[in-house]
Protein backbone atom coordinates (compact mmCIF):
# COMPACT_ATOMS: atom_id res chain seq x y z
CA MET A 1 0.22 190.68 89.71
CA VAL A 2 -1.64 188.16 91.86
CA SER A 3 -3.05 189.37 95.18
CA ASN A 4 -2.70 187.44 98.42
CA GLU A 5 -6.40 186.56 98.41
CA GLN A 6 -6.01 184.85 95.04
CA LYS A 7 -3.15 182.70 96.18
CA GLY A 8 -4.06 179.28 97.51
CA PRO A 9 -2.80 178.27 100.94
CA LEU A 10 0.64 176.70 100.97
CA ILE A 11 0.30 173.19 102.34
CA SER A 12 3.39 171.27 103.35
CA ASP A 13 3.49 167.56 104.00
CA ARG A 14 4.41 168.17 107.65
CA SER A 15 1.26 170.29 108.25
CA VAL A 16 -1.23 167.78 106.81
CA ARG A 17 -3.12 166.09 109.61
CA HIS A 18 -5.17 162.92 109.76
CA GLY A 19 -7.61 163.48 112.60
CA ASN A 20 -5.51 164.66 115.54
CA PHE A 21 -2.27 163.13 114.19
CA PRO A 22 0.14 164.48 111.56
CA LEU A 23 0.03 162.52 108.31
CA SER A 24 3.70 161.58 108.67
CA ASP A 25 2.92 159.92 112.03
CA VAL A 26 0.02 158.01 110.51
CA ARG A 27 2.26 156.75 107.72
CA PHE A 28 4.91 155.73 110.25
CA LEU A 29 2.39 153.79 112.32
CA ASP A 30 0.99 152.14 109.20
CA HIS A 31 4.51 151.15 108.14
CA CYS A 32 5.23 149.72 111.61
CA TYR A 33 1.97 147.74 111.55
CA THR A 34 2.76 146.31 108.11
CA LEU A 35 6.30 145.41 109.13
CA LEU A 36 5.19 143.73 112.36
CA SER A 37 2.38 141.78 110.66
CA GLN A 38 4.70 140.55 107.90
CA THR A 39 7.33 139.52 110.46
CA PHE A 40 4.70 137.70 112.54
CA VAL A 41 3.34 135.85 109.51
CA ARG A 42 6.84 134.92 108.31
CA LEU A 43 7.82 133.51 111.73
CA VAL A 44 4.52 131.71 112.28
CA ASP A 45 4.43 130.07 108.83
CA ARG A 46 7.82 128.41 109.39
CA SER A 47 6.03 125.55 111.17
CA ILE A 48 4.07 124.64 108.01
CA PRO A 49 5.56 121.52 106.36
CA ALA A 50 7.10 122.19 102.94
CA GLU A 51 5.14 119.38 101.28
CA PHE A 52 1.89 121.29 101.91
CA ALA A 53 2.87 123.85 99.26
CA SER A 54 1.77 121.49 96.46
CA ASP A 55 -1.85 121.55 97.71
CA PRO A 56 -3.15 125.16 97.93
CA GLU A 57 -6.26 124.28 99.99
CA ARG A 58 -4.27 122.19 102.45
CA ALA A 59 -1.68 124.95 102.75
CA ARG A 60 -4.44 127.49 103.44
CA HIS A 61 -5.85 125.40 106.30
CA ALA A 62 -2.32 124.87 107.64
CA ARG A 63 -1.77 128.63 107.75
CA LEU A 64 -5.07 129.08 109.59
CA VAL A 65 -4.14 126.43 112.17
CA THR A 66 -0.66 127.84 112.87
CA ARG A 67 -1.80 131.45 113.10
CA PHE A 68 -4.82 130.52 115.21
CA GLY A 69 -2.57 128.57 117.56
CA TRP A 70 -0.13 131.41 118.12
CA LEU A 71 -2.93 133.97 118.34
CA GLY A 72 -4.69 131.89 121.01
CA ALA A 73 -1.43 131.47 122.93
CA ILE A 74 -0.81 135.24 122.96
CA PHE A 75 -4.39 136.07 124.00
CA GLY A 76 -4.32 133.38 126.68
CA ALA A 77 -1.07 134.67 128.13
CA ILE A 78 -2.52 138.18 128.41
CA TYR A 79 -5.69 136.88 130.11
CA ALA A 80 -3.65 134.70 132.47
CA VAL A 81 -1.67 137.75 133.64
CA ALA A 82 -4.88 139.73 134.11
CA TYR A 83 -6.45 136.92 136.17
CA PHE A 84 -3.37 136.66 138.35
CA LEU A 85 -3.52 140.38 139.08
CA ILE A 86 -7.09 140.06 140.44
CA HIS A 87 -6.22 136.84 142.28
CA HIS A 88 -8.44 134.70 140.04
CA ARG A 89 -6.01 131.80 140.32
CA GLY A 90 -8.37 129.14 139.02
CA GLY A 91 -9.14 131.05 135.84
CA ALA A 92 -5.47 131.97 135.40
CA GLY A 93 -4.45 128.32 135.68
CA VAL A 94 -7.07 127.17 133.13
CA VAL A 95 -6.15 129.90 130.64
CA LEU A 96 -2.42 129.28 131.07
CA VAL A 97 -2.77 125.55 130.39
CA CYS A 98 -4.90 126.29 127.32
CA SER A 99 -2.31 128.83 126.10
CA CYS A 100 0.46 126.24 126.32
CA CYS A 101 -1.69 123.76 124.39
CA PHE A 102 -2.41 126.40 121.75
CA ALA A 103 1.34 127.02 121.33
CA THR A 104 1.98 123.30 120.78
CA ALA A 105 -0.56 123.00 117.94
CA PRO A 106 1.80 124.35 115.20
CA PHE A 107 4.51 121.93 116.33
CA LEU A 108 1.99 119.10 116.30
CA LEU A 109 1.11 120.06 112.74
CA ARG A 110 4.76 119.98 111.66
CA TRP A 111 5.43 116.71 113.50
CA ARG A 112 2.38 114.70 112.38
CA LYS A 113 1.90 116.60 109.09
CA SER A 114 -1.86 116.48 109.61
CA VAL A 115 -4.00 119.62 109.42
CA GLU A 116 -7.03 117.68 110.65
CA LEU A 117 -5.27 116.45 113.80
CA ALA A 118 -3.89 119.89 114.72
CA GLY A 119 -7.19 121.64 113.94
CA ASN A 120 -9.28 119.21 115.98
CA PHE A 121 -6.76 119.47 118.84
CA LEU A 122 -7.32 123.26 118.91
CA CYS A 123 -11.10 122.80 118.90
CA LEU A 124 -10.83 120.34 121.81
CA ILE A 125 -8.77 122.80 123.85
CA LEU A 126 -11.30 125.55 123.13
CA LEU A 127 -14.24 123.41 124.21
CA LEU A 128 -12.58 122.10 127.39
CA GLY A 129 -11.14 125.48 128.38
CA PHE A 130 -14.34 127.46 127.95
CA SER A 131 -16.42 124.74 129.61
CA THR A 132 -14.10 124.79 132.63
CA LEU A 133 -14.22 128.60 132.81
CA CYS A 134 -18.01 128.47 132.72
CA ALA A 135 -17.91 126.05 135.64
CA ILE A 136 -15.78 128.35 137.83
CA GLU A 137 -17.15 131.73 136.71
CA GLY A 138 -20.86 131.39 137.46
CA GLY A 139 -22.13 129.44 134.40
CA LEU A 140 -24.58 131.51 132.36
CA ALA A 141 -23.80 134.58 134.44
CA GLY A 142 -20.16 134.64 133.30
CA HIS A 143 -18.59 135.76 130.07
CA ALA A 144 -17.08 132.35 129.22
CA ILE A 145 -20.41 131.16 127.76
CA ALA A 146 -19.96 133.71 124.95
CA TRP A 147 -16.55 132.27 124.13
CA LEU A 148 -18.12 128.81 124.12
CA VAL A 149 -20.52 129.98 121.43
CA SER A 150 -17.53 130.81 119.19
CA VAL A 151 -16.22 127.20 119.15
CA PRO A 152 -18.35 126.01 116.16
CA LEU A 153 -17.26 129.02 114.07
CA CYS A 154 -13.59 128.42 114.91
CA ALA A 155 -14.01 124.74 114.04
CA LEU A 156 -15.59 125.66 110.71
CA LEU A 157 -12.55 127.75 109.79
CA LEU A 158 -9.99 125.26 111.08
CA VAL A 159 -11.24 121.79 110.09
CA GLY A 160 -14.05 122.25 107.59
CA LEU A 161 -17.80 121.70 107.48
CA LYS A 162 -18.30 118.10 108.63
CA PRO A 163 -15.96 118.16 111.67
CA ALA A 164 -17.34 121.59 112.57
CA GLY A 165 -20.80 120.03 112.74
CA ARG A 166 -19.61 117.57 115.38
CA TRP A 167 -17.99 120.34 117.43
CA ALA A 168 -21.21 122.37 117.15
CA VAL A 169 -23.16 119.44 118.62
CA LEU A 170 -20.68 119.14 121.51
CA SER A 171 -20.76 122.90 122.18
CA PHE A 172 -24.56 122.83 122.08
CA ALA A 173 -24.57 119.98 124.57
CA VAL A 174 -22.28 121.80 127.02
CA ALA A 175 -24.37 125.00 126.73
CA ALA A 176 -27.58 122.97 127.22
CA ILE A 177 -26.17 121.44 130.40
CA LEU A 178 -25.36 124.89 131.74
CA VAL A 179 -28.87 126.11 130.88
CA GLY A 180 -30.41 123.03 132.50
CA LEU A 181 -28.45 123.54 135.70
CA ASP A 182 -29.53 127.17 135.83
CA LEU A 183 -33.19 126.21 135.26
CA ARG A 184 -33.01 123.72 138.13
CA GLY A 185 -31.70 126.48 140.39
CA ILE A 186 -28.20 125.07 140.63
CA LYS A 187 -25.85 128.02 140.68
CA LEU A 188 -22.25 127.44 139.65
CA PRO A 189 -19.62 129.11 141.86
CA THR A 190 -17.60 132.22 141.10
CA THR A 191 -14.01 131.68 142.25
CA TYR A 192 -12.88 135.29 142.21
CA ASP A 193 -13.78 138.33 144.29
CA PRO A 194 -17.23 139.59 143.17
CA LYS A 195 -15.95 143.18 143.14
CA TRP A 196 -14.01 142.30 140.00
CA ASN A 197 -17.09 140.93 138.24
CA THR A 198 -17.63 143.96 135.97
CA LEU A 199 -13.95 144.09 135.04
CA VAL A 200 -13.79 140.36 134.29
CA SER A 201 -16.96 140.48 132.17
CA ALA A 202 -15.82 143.59 130.29
CA THR A 203 -12.41 142.07 129.64
CA GLY A 204 -13.98 138.85 128.41
CA TYR A 205 -16.50 140.44 126.04
CA LEU A 206 -14.13 143.07 124.66
CA GLY A 207 -11.43 140.44 124.18
CA LEU A 208 -13.94 138.24 122.34
CA ILE A 209 -14.73 141.08 119.94
CA LEU A 210 -11.02 141.66 119.27
CA PHE A 211 -10.29 137.94 118.96
CA MET A 212 -13.08 137.35 116.44
CA PHE A 213 -11.97 140.37 114.43
CA ILE A 214 -8.38 139.13 114.23
CA LEU A 215 -9.62 135.64 113.38
CA GLY A 216 -11.68 137.14 110.56
CA VAL A 217 -8.64 139.06 109.31
CA ILE A 218 -6.60 135.85 109.27
CA PHE A 219 -9.36 134.05 107.38
CA GLU A 220 -9.82 136.88 104.90
CA SER A 221 -6.09 137.19 104.20
CA SER A 222 -5.91 133.45 103.66
CA ARG A 223 -8.95 133.55 101.38
CA ALA A 224 -7.53 136.50 99.42
CA ARG A 225 -4.24 134.68 98.98
CA ALA A 226 -6.04 131.55 97.80
CA THR A 227 -8.11 133.61 95.38
CA ALA A 228 -5.00 135.33 94.02
CA ASN A 229 -3.31 131.95 93.55
CA MET A 230 -6.39 130.64 91.77
CA GLN A 231 -6.48 133.68 89.47
CA ASN A 232 -2.78 133.24 88.69
CA ALA A 233 -3.40 129.58 87.94
CA LEU A 234 -6.31 130.49 85.67
CA ARG A 235 -4.15 133.03 83.83
CA GLU A 236 -1.39 130.47 83.41
CA LEU A 237 -3.95 127.94 82.21
CA ALA A 238 -5.35 130.43 79.70
CA SER A 239 -1.82 131.22 78.51
CA SER A 240 -1.06 127.50 78.19
CA ASN A 241 -4.28 126.99 76.23
CA ASP A 242 -3.33 129.81 73.87
CA GLN A 243 0.11 128.28 73.40
CA LEU A 244 -1.43 124.86 72.77
CA LYS A 245 -3.78 126.36 70.20
CA GLN A 246 -0.85 128.10 68.52
CA LEU A 247 1.21 124.91 68.55
CA ASN A 248 -1.72 122.92 67.22
CA GLN A 249 -2.19 125.45 64.43
CA GLU A 250 1.52 125.33 63.62
CA LYS A 251 1.41 121.53 63.66
CA ASN A 252 -1.55 121.47 61.26
CA GLU A 253 0.15 123.96 58.96
CA PHE A 254 3.36 121.98 59.04
CA LEU A 255 1.62 118.67 58.36
CA GLY A 256 0.03 120.28 55.35
CA MET A 257 3.39 121.62 54.15
CA ALA A 258 5.14 118.32 54.86
CA ALA A 259 2.47 116.35 53.01
CA HIS A 260 2.78 118.74 50.06
CA ASP A 261 6.59 118.56 50.09
CA LEU A 262 6.52 114.77 50.23
CA LYS A 263 3.83 114.48 47.58
CA ASN A 264 5.74 116.43 44.95
CA PRO A 265 8.95 114.32 45.01
CA LEU A 266 6.89 111.13 45.27
CA THR A 267 5.04 112.18 42.14
CA VAL A 268 8.40 112.70 40.43
CA VAL A 269 9.60 109.29 41.60
CA ILE A 270 6.47 107.51 40.41
CA GLY A 271 6.40 109.31 37.06
CA SER A 272 10.12 108.86 36.41
CA ALA A 273 9.94 105.18 37.40
CA GLU A 274 7.03 104.57 35.02
CA LEU A 275 8.87 106.29 32.18
CA LEU A 276 12.09 104.48 33.05
CA SER A 277 10.38 101.11 32.57
CA ILE A 278 9.57 101.95 28.95
CA ALA A 279 12.55 104.17 28.11
CA LYS A 280 14.87 102.89 25.39
CA ASP A 281 17.23 105.84 25.07
CA PRO A 282 20.18 105.49 27.54
CA ALA A 283 20.45 109.26 27.93
CA GLN A 284 16.78 109.45 28.85
CA SER A 285 17.22 106.63 31.36
CA VAL A 286 20.09 108.51 33.01
CA ARG A 287 18.03 111.68 33.20
CA LEU A 288 15.07 109.85 34.72
CA GLY A 289 17.35 108.13 37.22
CA ASN A 290 18.77 111.49 38.24
CA ASN A 291 15.25 112.79 38.74
CA ILE A 292 14.50 109.88 41.08
CA VAL A 293 17.71 110.48 43.04
CA GLN A 294 17.03 114.20 43.45
CA ALA A 295 13.44 113.56 44.55
CA ALA A 296 14.61 110.96 47.06
CA LYS A 297 17.17 113.43 48.44
CA ARG A 298 14.45 116.02 48.95
CA MET A 299 12.35 113.51 50.91
CA HIS A 300 15.43 112.43 52.87
CA ASP A 301 16.21 116.04 53.81
CA LEU A 302 12.64 116.64 54.97
CA ILE A 303 12.60 113.53 57.15
CA THR A 304 16.05 114.36 58.54
CA ASN A 305 14.87 117.84 59.54
CA LEU A 306 11.82 116.36 61.23
CA LEU A 307 13.93 113.92 63.23
CA ASP A 308 16.44 116.63 64.19
CA ALA A 309 13.68 118.98 65.36
CA ASN A 310 12.06 116.19 67.39
CA ALA A 311 15.39 115.23 69.00
CA ILE A 312 16.13 118.83 70.00
CA GLU A 313 12.61 119.41 71.37
CA GLN A 314 12.85 116.28 73.54
CA GLY A 315 16.31 117.24 74.82
CA ARG A 316 18.03 114.24 73.25
CA PHE A 317 20.66 116.33 71.49
CA MET A 318 23.90 116.19 73.47
CA SER A 319 26.68 118.35 72.09
CA GLN A 320 30.26 117.06 72.30
CA LEU A 321 32.43 120.16 72.45
CA VAL A 322 35.88 119.58 70.96
CA GLN A 323 38.58 121.65 69.25
CA CYS A 324 37.33 122.30 65.71
CA ASP A 325 39.23 123.85 62.81
CA LEU A 326 36.88 126.49 61.43
CA ARG A 327 38.66 126.59 58.06
CA ALA A 328 38.29 122.84 57.54
CA MET A 329 34.57 122.91 58.38
CA VAL A 330 33.92 125.79 55.96
CA GLU A 331 35.84 124.04 53.19
CA GLU A 332 33.85 120.86 53.80
CA THR A 333 30.59 122.83 53.64
CA VAL A 334 31.62 124.53 50.40
CA ALA A 335 32.42 121.13 48.89
CA HIS A 336 28.97 119.86 49.88
CA ASN A 337 27.22 122.73 48.11
CA LEU A 338 29.34 123.06 44.93
CA ASP A 339 26.92 121.02 42.82
CA SER A 340 23.92 123.13 43.90
CA ALA A 341 25.82 126.34 43.15
CA THR A 342 26.96 124.99 39.77
CA ARG A 343 23.41 124.21 38.67
CA LYS A 344 22.39 127.84 39.32
CA GLN A 345 25.69 129.32 38.04
CA ILE A 346 26.33 130.92 41.46
CA VAL A 347 29.89 131.90 42.41
CA LEU A 348 31.12 131.15 45.93
CA ARG A 349 33.64 133.64 47.34
CA VAL A 350 35.40 132.41 50.47
CA GLY A 351 37.67 134.38 52.81
CA LEU A 352 39.26 132.15 55.47
CA CYS A 353 41.47 133.28 58.34
CA GLU A 354 44.15 130.86 59.44
CA GLY A 355 44.38 129.57 63.01
CA LEU A 356 40.72 129.92 64.03
CA TRP A 357 39.66 127.12 66.36
CA ALA A 358 36.15 126.82 67.77
CA LYS A 359 34.97 125.02 70.88
CA ALA A 360 32.05 123.26 69.26
CA ASP A 361 30.40 120.02 68.22
CA ARG A 362 31.88 119.35 64.78
CA ALA A 363 28.89 117.51 63.28
CA ALA A 364 26.43 120.14 64.55
CA THR A 365 28.63 123.01 63.28
CA VAL A 366 28.91 121.46 59.82
CA GLN A 367 25.11 121.00 59.81
CA ILE A 368 24.63 124.69 60.69
CA LEU A 369 27.07 125.89 58.04
CA ASP A 370 25.57 123.56 55.44
CA ASN A 371 22.12 124.96 56.17
CA LEU A 372 23.26 128.59 55.96
CA VAL A 373 25.22 128.09 52.72
CA SER A 374 22.51 125.95 51.09
CA ASN A 375 19.88 128.57 52.03
CA ALA A 376 22.03 131.33 50.52
CA ILE A 377 22.24 129.34 47.29
CA LYS A 378 18.57 128.37 47.43
CA TYR A 379 17.32 131.96 47.73
CA SER A 380 19.85 133.60 45.40
CA PRO A 381 19.01 134.25 41.76
CA PRO A 382 21.23 132.59 39.13
CA ASN A 383 24.49 134.31 38.14
CA THR A 384 24.99 135.91 41.58
CA THR A 385 27.60 135.49 44.31
CA VAL A 386 27.52 133.99 47.80
CA HIS A 387 30.19 135.31 50.18
CA ILE A 388 31.56 133.21 53.06
CA HIS A 389 33.96 134.81 55.53
CA THR A 390 35.58 133.79 58.85
CA MET A 391 37.18 136.02 61.46
CA PRO A 392 37.84 136.26 65.23
CA GLU A 393 35.80 138.53 67.51
CA ASP A 394 36.27 139.07 71.28
CA GLY A 395 36.54 135.49 72.51
CA LYS A 396 34.42 134.20 69.64
CA VAL A 397 35.01 132.95 66.14
CA LEU A 398 32.43 133.75 63.51
CA VAL A 399 31.37 132.70 60.06
CA ALA A 400 29.39 135.19 57.96
CA VAL A 401 27.38 133.99 54.94
CA ARG A 402 26.11 136.76 52.65
CA ASP A 403 23.94 136.31 49.59
CA GLU A 404 22.67 138.65 46.89
CA GLY A 405 19.08 137.49 47.09
CA PRO A 406 15.85 139.46 47.57
CA GLY A 407 16.46 140.14 51.28
CA ILE A 408 14.13 139.60 54.23
CA SER A 409 11.38 141.91 55.45
CA VAL A 410 11.17 143.21 59.02
CA GLU A 411 8.10 141.03 59.66
CA ASP A 412 9.91 137.91 58.47
CA LEU A 413 13.00 138.76 60.56
CA LYS A 414 10.87 138.58 63.71
CA LYS A 415 9.67 135.04 63.04
CA MET A 416 12.40 133.50 60.90
CA PHE A 417 13.85 131.29 63.68
CA ARG A 418 10.48 129.82 64.69
CA GLN A 419 9.52 126.27 63.88
CA TYR A 420 7.30 125.50 60.89
CA THR A 421 7.65 129.03 59.56
CA ARG A 422 7.93 129.80 55.88
CA LEU A 423 9.05 133.27 54.92
CA THR A 424 7.78 135.51 52.17
CA ALA A 425 10.84 134.95 49.99
CA ARG A 426 10.67 131.75 47.92
CA PRO A 427 13.51 129.59 46.56
CA THR A 428 14.57 130.80 43.13
CA GLY A 429 15.17 127.37 41.58
CA GLY A 430 12.08 125.48 42.69
CA GLU A 431 13.84 124.02 45.74
CA SER A 432 11.78 122.82 48.72
CA SER A 433 11.57 124.48 52.13
CA THR A 434 10.30 122.76 55.30
CA GLY A 435 10.29 125.75 57.64
CA LEU A 436 12.46 123.85 60.12
CA GLY A 437 16.02 124.57 59.02
CA LEU A 438 16.65 127.90 60.74
CA SER A 439 14.93 126.86 63.98
CA ILE A 440 17.21 123.80 64.11
CA VAL A 441 20.23 125.99 63.35
CA LYS A 442 19.39 128.38 66.19
CA LYS A 443 18.90 125.60 68.75
CA LEU A 444 22.07 123.77 67.72
CA ALA A 445 24.08 126.99 68.02
CA GLU A 446 22.64 127.79 71.45
CA ALA A 447 23.37 124.24 72.62
CA MET A 448 27.06 124.99 71.96
CA SER A 449 26.90 128.39 73.76
CA GLY A 450 26.88 130.11 70.38
CA SER A 451 24.41 132.22 68.45
CA VAL A 452 23.03 132.79 64.96
CA GLN A 453 22.05 136.27 63.86
CA CYS A 454 20.70 137.81 60.70
CA HIS A 455 20.95 141.23 59.13
CA SER A 456 18.92 141.91 56.02
CA GLN A 457 17.03 144.52 54.06
CA LEU A 458 14.63 144.00 51.20
CA GLY A 459 16.50 144.22 47.93
CA SER A 460 19.95 144.12 49.58
CA GLY A 461 20.50 140.44 50.29
CA SER A 462 20.95 138.81 53.69
CA THR A 463 23.88 138.11 56.00
CA PHE A 464 23.72 135.22 58.48
CA THR A 465 26.44 135.13 61.14
CA LEU A 466 27.33 132.12 63.25
CA ARG A 467 29.28 132.89 66.44
CA LEU A 468 30.95 130.12 68.45
CA PRO A 469 33.20 130.17 71.52
CA VAL A 470 36.89 130.23 70.65
CA TRP A 471 38.92 127.22 71.73
CA PRO A 472 41.21 128.24 74.62
CA HIS A 473 44.81 127.81 73.50
CA PRO A 474 47.13 125.90 75.86
CA VAL A 475 49.63 127.94 77.87
CA ILE A 476 52.47 126.35 75.90
CA GLN A 477 51.21 127.98 72.71
CA GLN A 478 50.90 131.49 74.15
CA ALA A 479 54.42 132.50 73.12
CA THR A 480 53.77 131.33 69.59
CA LEU A 481 50.49 133.23 69.47
CA ALA A 482 52.24 136.38 70.73
CA LYS A 483 54.62 136.24 67.78
CA THR A 484 51.97 135.33 65.20
CA ALA A 485 48.76 137.02 66.28
CA LEU A 486 45.40 135.81 65.02
CA PRO A 487 44.07 137.73 62.03
CA THR A 488 41.47 140.43 62.59
CA VAL A 489 38.92 142.02 60.33
CA ALA A 490 41.52 144.52 59.17
CA THR A 491 44.20 141.87 58.48
CA ALA A 492 41.89 139.16 57.10
CA PRO A 493 43.03 137.58 53.84
CA PRO A 494 41.30 138.44 50.57
CA LEU A 495 38.31 136.35 49.64
CA ALA A 496 38.87 133.41 47.35
CA GLU A 497 36.47 132.96 44.48
CA ILE A 498 35.31 129.46 43.64
CA ASP A 499 34.30 129.21 40.03
CA CYS A 500 31.69 126.49 40.12
CA SER A 501 32.05 125.64 36.44
CA SER A 502 35.66 124.51 36.88
CA ALA A 503 35.75 124.05 40.70
CA LYS A 504 39.07 125.90 40.81
CA THR A 505 40.05 128.54 43.35
CA ARG A 506 41.56 131.90 42.57
CA VAL A 507 41.94 135.21 44.37
CA PRO A 508 40.06 138.03 42.64
CA PRO A 509 42.19 141.12 42.00
CA ALA A 510 39.67 143.74 43.12
CA PHE A 511 37.43 142.21 45.80
CA ALA A 512 37.52 144.77 48.56
CA LYS A 513 33.87 145.21 49.48
CA PRO A 514 33.52 144.53 53.22
CA LEU A 515 30.77 142.36 54.63
CA PRO A 516 28.05 144.33 56.43
CA ARG A 517 27.89 144.21 60.20
CA THR A 518 25.23 141.89 61.60
CA HIS A 519 22.80 142.84 64.31
CA ALA A 520 20.87 140.78 66.80
CA ARG A 521 17.45 139.66 65.74
CA ASN A 522 14.54 141.19 67.66
């Protein structure tokens, strides 16, 4: 059991004190100060022209000018009231006129869109106002001479080094005149009751301390903001440099791959052409001619992919969304790839749902399907099967292409849709791969508000799924659709098997294995 002496004192938030004030009161005051300062800054900065935002240094000086103007107007109004109360009408009039001029500086900045003009206008008002106050408050004996000393510093903050030098010379000249008059025994008048002399001097000096502190805060906040903007710009620049290095590396790697891929078919073309010139056997001539054609097709495909990637990157691909029959596009794609499947003795099994219409660009969709099916054939071992299936799904229509190849690793899944990327798996029949096909497929699908996803495991094949928006059926057809609903996964027709050796279609008696669900790529 713990004794009372061993227990620590219970401290509640309400009992914690900061000096003579409860901590909750200190937090409340701090919150009020932050809220008021943010509101003041937001209102004051409205007078800054929007075009200044493109130049950080110009915008910083514009903020200094506007805040200095409003700060001077507020201080001047307070001093004018104080002077009126002690019947110092001359000083009150001078300060009031200067306050009005200070308040017009932000509007002058917005009207003329010149930081230099507004800043120099403020410096002129400071110099004239303090010089006049010195003349009616006893010269060197008054407090206005101290405010006159602050003019060069204010000019340095508002208009920069060179203009500040000119204002320093003018301030020095005015102060020298006052000193000269005092040395010659010429005493300047004091236009208020001498009994208020201590109060006027104290108010002037204390106000100067507060004014310079607030001016320093404004300058420091502006400097901190400029520094933060510069650091953000440097971080963005470093990030851009890293991206450029990565892109340059990818470009170099791709140029090497492209040169290699173009060199191999060119070597076949040159060798076959040389042999063709001396060949006497017609069968050999046909075989050599076929070699030349196949090599030319490989080069054509590579160049086509390069042009497609360049067009998409430059934003020159414009999709024309029309009503597309998904069944017809799949059948066209299968016809395109029958020869490739026949050469590798690969069976194509196709399951097509009737009445599926996509809102898509037909040429781009056929290009996507052709790439997915040709890739499935390319990466599948001989004597395997490629499955192609269509079905509806929640406002979408989809095409799933599943192969029985080696599958894709988790590392390759993360980068498979990037440009110039070659995966670990290699084509099983010596086919070429540019590393551009899947990146083009992804961008074409996204341009049609669709998506391409992949689900794969090593040793279990891969499934690529293309999803496209469904074409909205006209209202007239709704009654027909209600009677004959679109097929679903459960009611989809059996897959048709295309025997590539005879190019005939038949329905297999025992094909009931469902396609695996696809998941979004990380």
